[in-house]
Amino acid sequence: MRIVSWNVNSLKPRHDRFFRFLDRWQPDVVCLQETKSLVEDLPKEAIESAGWHLAAVGQKTYNGVALVSKAPIEVISEGLDNFEDPQARFILGDTGGIRIASAYIPNGKEVGSDKHEYKLKWLAAMRNHLDRLEDPQSDLAILGDWNCAPRDTDAKNIDKWRESVLCHDSVREAIQHVRDFGLIDPHESIEAEGGVFTWWDYRNLGFPKNDGLRIDHALLSESLNRRVTQVQVDRDERKAHAELDIGKPSDHAPLIVDLED
């Protein structure tokens, strides 16, 4: 089974890239973030015509998350339990024999700002949601853009980012609190030395210089983590590919996790 997390940074301009990705990788479930679209404006007909199922929560211009699966999707949660939030950042469903969520954790903007406080509250609400409604012994996966590099080696230039909301101790601790529910990041054992990134700034030649961060993660329950055979980052999807008529890339590359069936 192949599961994927990809912050597409707006699905509409990435439409051709997305369908090319499905053809190239043949995933079973794709968790999308930042679709930046109302649900009714997503390419549902094209997705279903290609043999896939879609479930999403949307928002015009900002945020938006979706599940795209080969198997039917039973939506369990649209948003976090007991947390009022107008932003479309979380969807969880049962599909393909597992329970899987696509999550887009707030960026937080600047340490000490109200957006930073919102990020910490959002992560605390995720842990509360898990405690109230989920079972760490189940086959549970939460994939998404976590907007945090959890280790110093998850940043090419950690000194530049250490005090930012993407590497700040307060955010790392909040995400660890979510992980303490019983979730494991398989990438950390497969790429123990770090240095593999999923996001590069469009500015200042971030991608050509490999000046990136690993902020997209798959957190798995122990039962699913035992089934992991490979974790990959599709750097090719981050390339411009001027010779192909597939549009500009997202600033994130897809994260691909393979599980034993």
Protein backbone atom coordinates (compact mmCIF):
# COMPACT_ATOMS: atom_id res chain seq x y z
CA MET A 1 0.00 0.00 0.00
CA ARG A 2 1.33 3.42 -0.95
CA ILE A 3 0.23 6.55 0.89
CA VAL A 4 1.29 10.07 0.00
CA SER A 5 1.30 13.55 1.52
CA TRP A 6 1.56 16.55 -0.78
CA ASN A 7 1.06 20.24 -0.13
CA VAL A 8 0.14 21.27 -3.68
CA ASN A 9 0.06 25.02 -2.91
CA SER A 10 -3.20 25.37 -4.89
CA LEU A 11 -4.53 22.43 -6.86
CA LYS A 12 -5.87 24.38 -9.83
CA PRO A 13 -2.47 25.41 -11.26
CA ARG A 14 -1.08 22.00 -10.28
CA HIS A 15 -3.92 20.07 -12.01
CA ASP A 16 -1.77 18.51 -14.75
CA ARG A 17 1.07 17.80 -12.35
CA PHE A 18 -1.31 16.08 -9.98
CA PHE A 19 -2.70 13.69 -12.58
CA ARG A 20 0.80 13.04 -13.91
CA PHE A 21 1.87 12.19 -10.36
CA LEU A 22 -1.01 9.71 -9.98
CA ASP A 23 0.03 8.00 -13.22
CA ARG A 24 3.71 7.91 -12.30
CA TRP A 25 3.43 6.67 -8.72
CA GLN A 26 0.08 4.83 -8.62
CA PRO A 27 -0.55 5.59 -4.94
CA ASP A 28 -3.43 4.11 -3.00
CA VAL A 29 -4.20 7.24 -0.96
CA VAL A 30 -3.03 10.82 -1.46
CA CYS A 31 -3.41 13.39 1.32
CA LEU A 32 -3.47 16.88 -0.17
CA GLN A 33 -2.96 20.16 1.63
CA GLU A 34 -3.45 23.76 0.53
CA THR A 35 -5.89 22.93 -2.24
CA LYS A 36 -6.97 26.60 -1.89
CA SER A 37 -10.39 25.80 -3.26
CA LEU A 38 -13.99 25.34 -2.26
CA VAL A 39 -15.02 21.70 -2.46
CA GLU A 40 -17.37 22.36 -5.37
CA ASP A 41 -14.50 23.87 -7.36
CA LEU A 42 -12.19 20.85 -7.04
CA PRO A 43 -11.79 18.62 -10.14
CA LYS A 44 -14.04 15.92 -8.70
CA GLU A 45 -15.37 14.74 -12.06
CA ALA A 46 -11.86 14.34 -13.50
CA ILE A 47 -10.69 12.51 -10.37
CA GLU A 48 -13.64 10.13 -10.40
CA SER A 49 -13.39 9.59 -14.16
CA ALA A 50 -9.79 8.49 -13.60
CA GLY A 51 -11.04 5.86 -11.12
CA TRP A 52 -10.42 7.65 -7.84
CA HIS A 53 -12.56 8.74 -4.89
CA LEU A 54 -12.42 12.23 -3.35
CA ALA A 55 -13.27 13.64 0.06
CA ALA A 56 -12.38 17.20 0.99
CA VAL A 57 -12.99 20.24 3.12
CA GLY A 58 -12.42 23.48 1.29
CA GLN A 59 -11.92 27.17 1.64
CA LYS A 60 -11.64 29.80 -1.04
CA THR A 61 -8.09 31.04 -1.68
CA TYR A 62 -6.58 29.58 1.50
CA ASN A 63 -5.98 26.22 3.20
CA GLY A 64 -8.11 23.25 2.10
CA VAL A 65 -7.34 19.54 2.58
CA ALA A 66 -8.41 16.43 0.70
CA LEU A 67 -8.17 12.66 0.53
CA VAL A 68 -7.90 11.01 -2.88
CA SER A 69 -8.13 7.22 -2.76
CA LYS A 70 -8.46 4.22 -5.02
CA ALA A 71 -10.98 2.81 -2.52
CA PRO A 72 -14.21 4.44 -1.32
CA ILE A 73 -13.77 6.89 1.54
CA GLU A 74 -15.93 7.02 4.66
CA VAL A 75 -15.41 10.48 6.13
CA ILE A 76 -15.03 10.37 9.91
CA SER A 77 -14.08 13.96 10.76
CA GLU A 78 -14.09 17.28 8.95
CA GLY A 79 -12.11 19.45 11.31
CA LEU A 80 -10.94 18.78 14.84
CA ASP A 81 -13.36 17.69 17.52
CA ASN A 82 -14.46 20.33 20.04
CA PHE A 83 -12.40 23.06 18.35
CA GLU A 84 -14.13 25.85 16.50
CA ASP A 85 -12.03 26.76 13.50
CA PRO A 86 -13.19 28.49 10.30
CA GLN A 87 -10.09 27.30 8.47
CA ALA A 88 -10.17 24.07 6.42
CA ARG A 89 -7.20 22.18 7.84
CA PHE A 90 -8.19 18.61 8.74
CA ILE A 91 -10.07 15.70 7.24
CA LEU A 92 -10.01 12.10 8.44
CA GLY A 93 -11.55 9.06 6.84
CA ASP A 94 -11.52 5.28 6.55
CA THR A 95 -10.30 3.96 3.21
CA GLY A 96 -8.36 0.97 1.97
CA GLY A 97 -8.47 -0.69 5.37
CA ILE A 98 -6.80 2.13 7.30
CA ARG A 99 -7.87 5.35 9.02
CA ILE A 100 -6.02 8.27 7.47
CA ALA A 101 -6.04 12.03 7.88
CA SER A 102 -4.78 14.91 5.80
CA ALA A 103 -3.68 17.76 8.04
CA TYR A 104 -2.45 21.25 7.30
CA ILE A 105 -0.98 22.63 10.50
CA PRO A 106 -0.96 26.44 10.75
CA ASN A 107 2.26 28.17 9.77
CA GLY A 108 2.32 30.47 12.79
CA LYS A 109 3.97 33.40 11.02
CA GLU A 110 6.18 34.78 13.83
CA VAL A 111 7.06 33.48 17.28
CA GLY A 112 5.03 35.38 19.86
CA SER A 113 2.33 36.46 17.40
CA ASP A 114 -1.35 35.58 17.63
CA LYS A 115 -0.83 33.19 14.69
CA HIS A 116 1.90 31.40 16.64
CA GLU A 117 -0.52 31.04 19.55
CA TYR A 118 -3.17 29.71 17.17
CA LYS A 119 -0.68 27.12 15.88
CA LEU A 120 0.01 25.86 19.39
CA LYS A 121 -3.71 25.75 20.26
CA TRP A 122 -4.43 23.90 17.02
CA LEU A 123 -1.84 21.24 17.80
CA ALA A 124 -3.20 20.89 21.34
CA ALA A 125 -6.67 20.47 19.85
CA MET A 126 -5.37 17.71 17.59
CA ARG A 127 -4.04 15.81 20.58
CA ASN A 128 -7.38 16.29 22.38
CA HIS A 129 -9.19 15.04 19.28
CA LEU A 130 -7.03 11.90 19.23
CA ASP A 131 -7.50 11.28 22.96
CA ARG A 132 -11.27 11.61 22.70
CA LEU A 133 -11.99 9.77 19.46
CA GLU A 134 -9.10 7.63 18.27
CA ASP A 135 -7.28 4.47 19.34
CA PRO A 136 -3.46 4.35 19.16
CA GLN A 137 -3.72 0.58 18.69
CA SER A 138 -5.64 1.02 15.42
CA ASP A 139 -4.20 1.42 11.91
CA LEU A 140 -4.03 5.20 12.02
CA ALA A 141 -2.04 7.60 9.83
CA ILE A 142 -1.89 11.39 9.94
CA LEU A 143 -0.13 12.83 6.92
CA GLY A 144 0.39 16.45 6.13
CA ASP A 145 2.29 19.68 6.16
CA TRP A 146 3.18 20.07 9.83
CA ASN A 147 5.02 23.37 9.29
CA CYS A 148 7.79 22.19 11.59
CA ALA A 149 11.21 20.64 11.15
CA PRO A 150 11.41 18.46 14.29
CA ARG A 151 15.20 17.91 14.27
CA ASP A 152 18.05 20.31 13.57
CA THR A 153 19.17 17.99 10.78
CA ASP A 154 15.78 18.53 9.11
CA ALA A 155 17.00 21.98 8.00
CA LYS A 156 19.88 22.67 5.64
CA ASN A 157 20.75 25.85 7.52
CA ILE A 158 19.38 25.43 11.02
CA ASP A 159 20.96 28.66 12.29
CA LYS A 160 18.74 30.58 9.88
CA TRP A 161 15.57 28.84 11.07
CA ARG A 162 16.14 27.94 14.72
CA GLU A 163 14.11 30.80 16.18
CA SER A 164 11.42 30.73 13.50
CA VAL A 165 7.99 29.14 13.93
CA LEU A 166 9.19 26.29 11.69
CA CYS A 167 11.87 25.13 14.14
CA HIS A 168 11.02 26.81 17.44
CA ASP A 169 11.10 24.63 20.55
CA SER A 170 7.50 25.56 21.42
CA VAL A 171 6.25 24.08 18.15
CA ARG A 172 8.51 21.04 18.33
CA GLU A 173 7.21 20.32 21.83
CA ALA A 174 3.59 20.72 20.70
CA ILE A 175 4.10 18.25 17.87
CA GLN A 176 5.89 15.84 20.19
CA HIS A 177 2.81 16.00 22.44
CA VAL A 178 0.73 14.87 19.45
CA ARG A 179 3.21 12.09 18.73
CA ASP A 180 3.08 10.93 22.34
CA PHE A 181 -0.45 9.73 21.61
CA GLY A 182 1.34 6.78 20.01
CA LEU A 183 2.42 8.03 16.60
CA ILE A 184 5.76 7.35 14.93
CA ASP A 185 7.56 9.14 12.10
CA PRO A 186 9.16 6.35 10.02
CA HIS A 187 11.33 8.83 8.14
CA GLU A 188 13.39 9.47 11.26
CA SER A 189 14.65 5.90 11.43
CA ILE A 190 15.00 5.38 7.67
CA GLU A 191 16.86 8.70 7.22
CA ALA A 192 18.44 8.83 10.66
CA GLU A 193 21.11 11.36 9.70
CA GLY A 194 18.60 13.83 8.29
CA GLY A 195 19.39 16.07 5.34
CA VAL A 196 16.32 15.06 3.33
CA PHE A 197 13.89 17.90 2.77
CA THR A 198 10.32 18.36 1.51
CA TRP A 199 10.05 22.16 1.16
CA TRP A 200 12.22 24.75 -0.50
CA ASP A 201 11.48 28.48 -0.70
CA TYR A 202 10.74 29.77 -4.17
CA ARG A 203 13.02 32.70 -3.39
CA ASN A 204 16.81 32.88 -3.31
CA LEU A 205 17.32 29.71 -5.36
CA GLY A 206 16.16 27.58 -2.44
CA PHE A 207 15.68 24.40 -4.46
CA PRO A 208 18.82 24.62 -6.66
CA LYS A 209 20.86 25.19 -3.49
CA ASN A 210 18.93 22.45 -1.64
CA ASP A 211 18.33 25.03 1.09
CA GLY A 212 15.28 23.21 2.41
CA LEU A 213 13.36 21.97 5.42
CA ARG A 214 11.62 18.68 6.19
CA ILE A 215 8.22 19.91 7.31
CA ASP A 216 5.93 17.33 5.65
CA HIS A 217 5.52 14.19 7.74
CA ALA A 218 3.65 10.92 7.99
CA LEU A 219 2.85 10.03 11.60
CA LEU A 220 1.78 6.42 11.94
CA SER A 221 0.42 4.22 14.70
CA GLU A 222 2.75 1.44 15.75
CA SER A 223 0.79 -1.17 13.80
CA LEU A 224 1.21 0.79 10.56
CA ASN A 225 4.81 1.74 11.28
CA ARG A 226 5.69 -1.96 11.47
CA ARG A 227 4.47 -2.28 7.87
CA VAL A 228 6.66 0.50 6.45
CA THR A 229 9.05 -0.68 3.74
CA GLN A 230 10.18 2.63 2.25
CA VAL A 231 9.88 6.40 2.65
CA GLN A 232 10.72 8.66 -0.30
CA VAL A 233 10.56 12.32 -1.29
CA ASP A 234 9.73 12.92 -4.95
CA ARG A 235 12.22 15.72 -5.65
CA ASP A 236 11.45 15.39 -9.36
CA GLU A 237 7.98 16.84 -8.70
CA ARG A 238 9.60 19.98 -7.28
CA LYS A 239 11.53 20.64 -10.49
CA ALA A 240 10.37 23.25 -12.98
CA HIS A 241 10.38 20.90 -16.03
CA ALA A 242 10.27 23.72 -18.56
CA GLU A 243 10.29 21.13 -21.34
CA LEU A 244 6.98 19.65 -20.12
CA ASP A 245 3.66 21.48 -20.29
CA ILE A 246 2.70 20.69 -16.70
CA GLY A 247 2.93 24.09 -15.03
CA LYS A 248 4.98 25.51 -12.18
CA PRO A 249 5.79 23.20 -9.26
CA SER A 250 4.55 23.55 -5.71
CA ASP A 251 7.16 24.65 -3.20
CA HIS A 252 6.66 21.25 -1.52
CA ALA A 253 7.62 17.83 -2.85
CA PRO A 254 5.38 14.79 -2.29
CA LEU A 255 6.24 12.45 0.59
CA ILE A 256 5.66 8.80 -0.31
CA VAL A 257 5.34 6.00 2.25
CA ASP A 258 5.09 2.35 1.22
CA LEU A 259 3.44 -0.20 3.52
CA GLU A 260 3.32 -3.97 3.33
CA ASP A 261 -0.19 -5.12 2.42
